[in-house]
Structures are given as structure tokens and as C-alpha cells.
Amino acid sequence: QVQLVESGGGLVQAGGSLRLSCAASGRGFSTYTVGWFRQAPGKEREFVASMAWRSDSTSYADSVKGRFTISRDNAENTVFLQMNSLKSEDTALYYCAAALPWEADLYYDVRSYKYWGQGTQVTVSS
């Protein structure tokens, strides 16, 4: 069992930066694939970024590539999402998620992730 708690969201002007954190509790977290997803009002939850348990394999949605960076600290059981050059279209509720490594081939699919946090709101003003 893994529990995830996101933090770090807030209101920021376009062009600004935010760093989201996801604190995990539970055994074996360092072996999970972790991902960030987001959901804007009236839209489906979409993939943002993911990192495989080895921490050397990351993936990003085209819309955030070059602006967002996912990282993890296994010793602290924490996953981060550094978001730079934020745009108004990045406004959404951001979720942290964890997938069992053998179920994470489709790392961009919400259905691959077994554990979810409650979300943290990011609002970018233009």
C-alpha cells in the first residue's frame, strides 16, 4: 500500500515557476514508476511526466517537454515536478501517481497507475 500527498501548488504569473512535491509512504516505493498527471475543468486527466524506478528513464508530454522536469529522491520517498516557463494552459489540478513496475509499460495511461494523491491546484495567470 502506498499513500501519496502532493504539495507546492499555487497561483503564479505566466512565465513563472513552481515546484510540486509528492511525499510517498509505504514500503517499496523506490521500485514504482511514478507519474504526474493533470486535469483542467471540463477536460480528461492527462499525462504530464513519468519516471521509471531506475530514475534514468523519464518521459514527458509534448506540451511540457523542455519546461518541466520530473525527479525523485528515493531516500526521502519524494517525487518532484519542476515547472518553468508556465503558461495559462498549464492551469489544472496536478496529481501524483504510482504504478507497479510490471504494470507501467503504458506509463502515459491513467489506468496503469494504482495509487493516486489528492491533487494540488496550479493556476497560471496571463
N, C-alpha and C. Protein backbone atom coordinates (compact mmCIF):
# COMPACT_ATOMS: atom_id res chain seq x y z
N GLN A 1 0.84 -1.19 0.00
CA GLN A 1 0.00 0.00 0.00
C GLN A 1 0.88 1.24 0.00
N VAL A 2 0.56 2.17 -0.87
CA VAL A 2 1.31 3.42 -0.99
C VAL A 2 0.34 4.59 -0.85
N GLN A 3 0.71 5.57 -0.07
CA GLN A 3 -0.08 6.79 0.04
C GLN A 3 0.74 7.96 -0.48
N LEU A 4 0.09 8.84 -1.23
CA LEU A 4 0.76 9.95 -1.89
C LEU A 4 0.10 11.27 -1.48
N VAL A 5 0.93 12.25 -1.16
CA VAL A 5 0.41 13.57 -0.78
C VAL A 5 1.17 14.64 -1.56
N GLU A 6 0.45 15.37 -2.41
CA GLU A 6 1.07 16.43 -3.20
C GLU A 6 1.07 17.76 -2.44
N SER A 7 2.02 18.61 -2.80
CA SER A 7 2.08 19.97 -2.26
C SER A 7 2.84 20.84 -3.25
N GLY A 8 2.77 22.15 -3.01
CA GLY A 8 3.57 23.07 -3.82
C GLY A 8 2.79 23.83 -4.87
N GLY A 9 1.52 23.52 -5.02
CA GLY A 9 0.72 24.25 -6.00
C GLY A 9 0.45 25.67 -5.54
N GLY A 10 -0.10 26.46 -6.44
CA GLY A 10 -0.41 27.85 -6.09
C GLY A 10 -0.72 28.67 -7.31
N LEU A 11 -0.75 29.97 -7.09
CA LEU A 11 -1.02 30.93 -8.16
C LEU A 11 0.30 31.57 -8.60
N VAL A 12 0.54 31.57 -9.90
CA VAL A 12 1.79 32.13 -10.43
C VAL A 12 1.48 32.84 -11.74
N GLN A 13 2.26 33.84 -12.05
CA GLN A 13 2.09 34.54 -13.31
C GLN A 13 2.71 33.74 -14.45
N ALA A 14 2.20 33.96 -15.63
CA ALA A 14 2.76 33.31 -16.82
C ALA A 14 4.25 33.62 -16.91
N GLY A 15 5.02 32.59 -17.24
CA GLY A 15 6.47 32.74 -17.30
C GLY A 15 7.17 32.38 -16.01
N GLY A 16 6.41 32.22 -14.95
CA GLY A 16 6.97 31.89 -13.67
C GLY A 16 7.22 30.40 -13.49
N SER A 17 7.61 30.04 -12.27
CA SER A 17 7.96 28.65 -11.97
C SER A 17 7.29 28.20 -10.68
N LEU A 18 7.08 26.90 -10.61
CA LEU A 18 6.61 26.25 -9.40
C LEU A 18 7.29 24.89 -9.29
N ARG A 19 7.44 24.42 -8.07
CA ARG A 19 7.97 23.08 -7.84
C ARG A 19 6.97 22.30 -7.02
N LEU A 20 6.43 21.26 -7.62
CA LEU A 20 5.50 20.39 -6.92
C LEU A 20 6.26 19.26 -6.25
N SER A 21 5.75 18.86 -5.10
CA SER A 21 6.33 17.72 -4.38
C SER A 21 5.25 16.68 -4.14
N CYS A 22 5.69 15.44 -4.09
CA CYS A 22 4.78 14.33 -3.81
C CYS A 22 5.47 13.44 -2.78
N ALA A 23 4.96 13.46 -1.58
CA ALA A 23 5.53 12.65 -0.50
C ALA A 23 4.82 11.31 -0.46
N ALA A 24 5.60 10.25 -0.47
CA ALA A 24 5.05 8.91 -0.50
C ALA A 24 5.33 8.17 0.79
N SER A 25 4.37 7.39 1.20
CA SER A 25 4.58 6.49 2.34
C SER A 25 4.21 5.09 1.90
N GLY A 26 4.91 4.12 2.45
CA GLY A 26 4.67 2.75 2.05
C GLY A 26 5.96 2.08 1.61
N ARG A 27 6.00 0.81 1.80
CA ARG A 27 7.22 0.06 1.51
C ARG A 27 7.38 -0.14 0.00
N GLY A 28 8.62 -0.12 -0.42
CA GLY A 28 8.93 -0.43 -1.80
C GLY A 28 8.66 0.66 -2.79
N PHE A 29 8.45 1.88 -2.29
CA PHE A 29 8.10 2.96 -3.21
C PHE A 29 9.17 3.20 -4.26
N SER A 30 10.41 3.00 -3.89
CA SER A 30 11.50 3.28 -4.82
C SER A 30 11.47 2.37 -6.04
N THR A 31 10.67 1.31 -6.01
CA THR A 31 10.59 0.41 -7.16
C THR A 31 9.45 0.78 -8.11
N TYR A 32 8.61 1.70 -7.71
CA TYR A 32 7.44 2.05 -8.52
C TYR A 32 7.82 3.01 -9.65
N THR A 33 7.06 2.97 -10.70
CA THR A 33 7.09 4.04 -11.68
C THR A 33 6.18 5.15 -11.15
N VAL A 34 6.67 6.36 -11.18
CA VAL A 34 5.87 7.47 -10.67
C VAL A 34 5.53 8.42 -11.81
N GLY A 35 4.38 9.02 -11.71
CA GLY A 35 3.94 9.91 -12.77
C GLY A 35 3.21 11.12 -12.22
N TRP A 36 3.20 12.16 -13.03
CA TRP A 36 2.41 13.35 -12.77
C TRP A 36 1.36 13.46 -13.88
N PHE A 37 0.15 13.71 -13.46
CA PHE A 37 -0.95 13.94 -14.37
C PHE A 37 -1.62 15.25 -14.00
N ARG A 38 -2.44 15.77 -14.89
CA ARG A 38 -3.18 16.99 -14.57
C ARG A 38 -4.56 16.94 -15.20
N GLN A 39 -5.46 17.69 -14.57
CA GLN A 39 -6.83 17.72 -15.07
C GLN A 39 -7.37 19.13 -14.95
N ALA A 40 -7.70 19.70 -16.08
CA ALA A 40 -8.32 21.02 -16.12
C ALA A 40 -9.84 20.86 -16.09
N PRO A 41 -10.57 21.88 -15.66
CA PRO A 41 -12.03 21.78 -15.60
C PRO A 41 -12.62 21.41 -16.95
N GLY A 42 -13.49 20.41 -16.95
CA GLY A 42 -14.15 20.00 -18.17
C GLY A 42 -13.32 19.15 -19.11
N LYS A 43 -12.12 18.81 -18.67
CA LYS A 43 -11.23 18.01 -19.52
C LYS A 43 -10.85 16.71 -18.83
N GLU A 44 -10.36 15.76 -19.62
CA GLU A 44 -9.92 14.50 -19.06
C GLU A 44 -8.55 14.66 -18.41
N ARG A 45 -8.27 13.77 -17.48
CA ARG A 45 -6.96 13.77 -16.85
C ARG A 45 -5.92 13.37 -17.90
N GLU A 46 -4.82 14.13 -17.94
CA GLU A 46 -3.82 13.88 -18.97
C GLU A 46 -2.44 13.68 -18.37
N PHE A 47 -1.65 12.91 -19.10
CA PHE A 47 -0.28 12.61 -18.69
C PHE A 47 0.59 13.85 -18.80
N VAL A 48 1.46 14.04 -17.82
CA VAL A 48 2.42 15.14 -17.84
C VAL A 48 3.85 14.61 -17.91
N ALA A 49 4.21 13.74 -16.97
CA ALA A 49 5.59 13.23 -16.92
C ALA A 49 5.62 11.95 -16.10
N SER A 50 6.64 11.13 -16.34
CA SER A 50 6.81 9.92 -15.55
C SER A 50 8.29 9.60 -15.41
N MET A 51 8.58 8.79 -14.40
CA MET A 51 9.95 8.36 -14.16
C MET A 51 9.93 6.91 -13.71
N ALA A 52 10.73 6.09 -14.38
CA ALA A 52 10.81 4.68 -14.02
C ALA A 52 11.66 4.51 -12.77
N TRP A 53 11.55 3.36 -12.14
CA TRP A 53 12.16 3.17 -10.83
C TRP A 53 13.66 3.32 -10.85
N ARG A 54 14.29 3.06 -11.99
CA ARG A 54 15.74 3.22 -12.06
C ARG A 54 16.16 4.68 -12.08
N SER A 55 15.19 5.57 -12.28
CA SER A 55 15.45 7.02 -12.29
C SER A 55 16.28 7.50 -13.45
N ASP A 56 16.50 6.64 -14.40
CA ASP A 56 17.24 7.12 -15.56
C ASP A 56 16.38 7.12 -16.81
N SER A 57 15.12 6.83 -16.63
CA SER A 57 14.19 6.82 -17.75
C SER A 57 13.01 7.73 -17.43
N THR A 58 12.94 8.84 -18.14
CA THR A 58 11.86 9.79 -17.93
C THR A 58 11.11 10.01 -19.24
N SER A 59 9.87 10.39 -19.11
CA SER A 59 9.04 10.68 -20.27
C SER A 59 8.20 11.91 -19.98
N TYR A 60 7.92 12.67 -21.03
CA TYR A 60 7.16 13.90 -20.88
C TYR A 60 6.13 14.04 -21.99
N ALA A 61 5.05 14.68 -21.66
CA ALA A 61 4.09 15.06 -22.69
C ALA A 61 4.73 16.13 -23.56
N ASP A 62 4.38 16.13 -24.82
CA ASP A 62 4.97 17.11 -25.75
C ASP A 62 4.72 18.54 -25.28
N SER A 63 3.58 18.75 -24.64
CA SER A 63 3.18 20.10 -24.24
C SER A 63 4.06 20.68 -23.13
N VAL A 64 4.79 19.81 -22.41
CA VAL A 64 5.61 20.30 -21.29
C VAL A 64 7.09 20.03 -21.50
N LYS A 65 7.43 19.33 -22.56
CA LYS A 65 8.82 18.97 -22.81
C LYS A 65 9.69 20.22 -22.92
N GLY A 66 10.80 20.20 -22.20
CA GLY A 66 11.70 21.35 -22.20
C GLY A 66 11.36 22.39 -21.14
N ARG A 67 10.20 22.27 -20.53
CA ARG A 67 9.79 23.23 -19.49
C ARG A 67 9.67 22.57 -18.12
N PHE A 68 9.23 21.31 -18.09
CA PHE A 68 9.01 20.60 -16.84
C PHE A 68 10.09 19.53 -16.67
N THR A 69 10.43 19.26 -15.42
CA THR A 69 11.40 18.21 -15.11
C THR A 69 10.91 17.39 -13.93
N ILE A 70 10.87 16.08 -14.11
CA ILE A 70 10.49 15.18 -13.02
C ILE A 70 11.75 14.60 -12.39
N SER A 71 11.73 14.48 -11.08
CA SER A 71 12.87 13.89 -10.38
C SER A 71 12.34 13.21 -9.13
N ARG A 72 13.20 12.42 -8.52
CA ARG A 72 12.78 11.73 -7.30
C ARG A 72 13.94 11.61 -6.35
N ASP A 73 13.62 11.55 -5.09
CA ASP A 73 14.59 11.32 -4.03
C ASP A 73 14.14 10.06 -3.32
N ASN A 74 14.74 8.93 -3.65
CA ASN A 74 14.29 7.67 -3.08
C ASN A 74 14.54 7.61 -1.57
N ALA A 75 15.60 8.25 -1.12
CA ALA A 75 15.90 8.24 0.30
C ALA A 75 14.81 8.94 1.10
N GLU A 76 14.20 9.96 0.48
CA GLU A 76 13.14 10.72 1.16
C GLU A 76 11.75 10.31 0.69
N ASN A 77 11.68 9.35 -0.24
CA ASN A 77 10.39 8.90 -0.78
C ASN A 77 9.58 10.08 -1.31
N THR A 78 10.24 10.93 -2.08
CA THR A 78 9.59 12.13 -2.60
C THR A 78 9.84 12.27 -4.09
N VAL A 79 8.81 12.66 -4.79
CA VAL A 79 8.90 12.92 -6.23
C VAL A 79 8.63 14.41 -6.45
N PHE A 80 9.36 14.99 -7.38
CA PHE A 80 9.23 16.42 -7.65
C PHE A 80 8.84 16.66 -9.10
N LEU A 81 8.18 17.76 -9.33
CA LEU A 81 7.92 18.23 -10.69
C LEU A 81 8.28 19.71 -10.72
N GLN A 82 9.41 20.02 -11.34
CA GLN A 82 9.83 21.40 -11.51
C GLN A 82 9.19 21.94 -12.77
N MET A 83 8.44 23.00 -12.62
CA MET A 83 7.70 23.57 -13.75
C MET A 83 8.20 24.99 -14.01
N ASN A 84 8.78 25.20 -15.18
CA ASN A 84 9.30 26.51 -15.56
C ASN A 84 8.54 27.04 -16.77
N SER A 85 8.68 28.31 -17.00
CA SER A 85 8.03 28.96 -18.16
C SER A 85 6.55 28.59 -18.24
N LEU A 86 5.88 28.73 -17.13
CA LEU A 86 4.48 28.31 -17.06
C LEU A 86 3.60 29.15 -17.95
N LYS A 87 2.58 28.48 -18.51
CA LYS A 87 1.63 29.12 -19.39
C LYS A 87 0.23 28.99 -18.80
N SER A 88 -0.68 29.81 -19.27
CA SER A 88 -2.05 29.75 -18.75
C SER A 88 -2.67 28.38 -18.98
N GLU A 89 -2.26 27.73 -20.07
CA GLU A 89 -2.82 26.41 -20.36
C GLU A 89 -2.29 25.31 -19.45
N ASP A 90 -1.34 25.64 -18.60
CA ASP A 90 -0.86 24.68 -17.60
C ASP A 90 -1.75 24.67 -16.36
N THR A 91 -2.71 25.58 -16.30
CA THR A 91 -3.62 25.63 -15.16
C THR A 91 -4.42 24.34 -15.07
N ALA A 92 -4.34 23.69 -13.91
CA ALA A 92 -5.02 22.41 -13.72
C ALA A 92 -4.79 21.93 -12.29
N LEU A 93 -5.50 20.87 -11.96
CA LEU A 93 -5.24 20.15 -10.72
C LEU A 93 -4.21 19.08 -11.05
N TYR A 94 -3.09 19.10 -10.36
CA TYR A 94 -1.99 18.19 -10.65
C TYR A 94 -1.97 17.04 -9.65
N TYR A 95 -1.87 15.82 -10.21
CA TYR A 95 -1.88 14.62 -9.40
C TYR A 95 -0.56 13.86 -9.53
N CYS A 96 -0.15 13.31 -8.42
CA CYS A 96 0.97 12.38 -8.39
C CYS A 96 0.39 10.96 -8.37
N ALA A 97 1.06 10.03 -9.05
CA ALA A 97 0.55 8.66 -9.11
C ALA A 97 1.72 7.68 -9.12
N ALA A 98 1.42 6.46 -8.69
CA ALA A 98 2.45 5.42 -8.65
C ALA A 98 1.91 4.15 -9.28
N ALA A 99 2.76 3.52 -10.07
CA ALA A 99 2.37 2.29 -10.76
C ALA A 99 3.35 1.19 -10.42
N LEU A 100 2.82 0.00 -10.28
CA LEU A 100 3.70 -1.15 -10.11
C LEU A 100 4.57 -1.27 -11.36
N PRO A 101 5.85 -1.56 -11.20
CA PRO A 101 6.75 -1.53 -12.35
C PRO A 101 6.33 -2.45 -13.49
N TRP A 102 5.74 -3.60 -13.18
CA TRP A 102 5.33 -4.52 -14.23
C TRP A 102 3.99 -4.14 -14.87
N GLU A 103 3.39 -3.08 -14.37
CA GLU A 103 2.12 -2.60 -14.93
C GLU A 103 2.28 -1.22 -15.57
N ALA A 104 3.52 -0.79 -15.76
CA ALA A 104 3.76 0.59 -16.18
C ALA A 104 4.28 0.73 -17.61
N ASP A 105 4.09 -0.29 -18.42
CA ASP A 105 4.53 -0.15 -19.81
C ASP A 105 3.85 1.03 -20.48
N LEU A 106 2.56 1.17 -20.22
CA LEU A 106 1.81 2.30 -20.75
C LEU A 106 1.84 3.41 -19.70
N TYR A 107 3.02 4.00 -19.53
CA TYR A 107 3.26 4.97 -18.47
C TYR A 107 2.42 6.24 -18.63
N TYR A 108 1.87 6.47 -19.82
CA TYR A 108 1.10 7.68 -20.11
C TYR A 108 -0.40 7.46 -19.87
N ASP A 109 -0.77 6.24 -19.51
CA ASP A 109 -2.17 5.87 -19.36
C ASP A 109 -2.57 5.90 -17.88
N VAL A 110 -3.62 6.64 -17.55
CA VAL A 110 -4.05 6.74 -16.16
C VAL A 110 -4.37 5.36 -15.58
N ARG A 111 -4.81 4.44 -16.43
CA ARG A 111 -5.21 3.12 -15.95
C ARG A 111 -4.03 2.27 -15.49
N SER A 112 -2.82 2.71 -15.81
CA SER A 112 -1.64 1.95 -15.38
C SER A 112 -1.29 2.21 -13.92
N TYR A 113 -1.85 3.26 -13.35
CA TYR A 113 -1.43 3.72 -12.03
C TYR A 113 -2.42 3.27 -10.96
N LYS A 114 -1.85 2.65 -9.94
CA LYS A 114 -2.67 2.05 -8.90
C LYS A 114 -2.96 3.02 -7.75
N TYR A 115 -1.99 3.88 -7.48
CA TYR A 115 -2.11 4.78 -6.33
C TYR A 115 -2.10 6.24 -6.80
N TRP A 116 -2.94 7.04 -6.16
CA TRP A 116 -3.08 8.45 -6.54
C TRP A 116 -3.11 9.34 -5.32
N GLY A 117 -2.56 10.54 -5.46
CA GLY A 117 -2.71 11.55 -4.44
C GLY A 117 -4.01 12.31 -4.63
N GLN A 118 -4.22 13.30 -3.76
CA GLN A 118 -5.48 14.05 -3.79
C GLN A 118 -5.42 15.24 -4.74
N GLY A 119 -4.22 15.58 -5.20
CA GLY A 119 -4.06 16.67 -6.15
C GLY A 119 -3.68 17.98 -5.51
N THR A 120 -2.99 18.82 -6.27
CA THR A 120 -2.64 20.17 -5.84
C THR A 120 -2.92 21.12 -7.00
N GLN A 121 -3.57 22.23 -6.70
CA GLN A 121 -4.02 23.15 -7.76
C GLN A 121 -2.89 24.07 -8.21
N VAL A 122 -2.74 24.17 -9.52
CA VAL A 122 -1.81 25.12 -10.12
C VAL A 122 -2.62 26.06 -11.00
N THR A 123 -2.49 27.34 -10.73
CA THR A 123 -3.20 28.34 -11.51
C THR A 123 -2.18 29.33 -12.06
N VAL A 124 -2.18 29.49 -13.38
CA VAL A 124 -1.25 30.39 -14.04
C VAL A 124 -2.05 31.55 -14.63
N SER A 125 -1.74 32.74 -14.17
CA SER A 125 -2.45 33.92 -14.66
C SER A 125 -1.68 34.54 -15.82
N SER A 126 -2.43 34.97 -16.81
CA SER A 126 -1.79 35.56 -18.01
C SER A 126 -1.71 37.07 -17.90
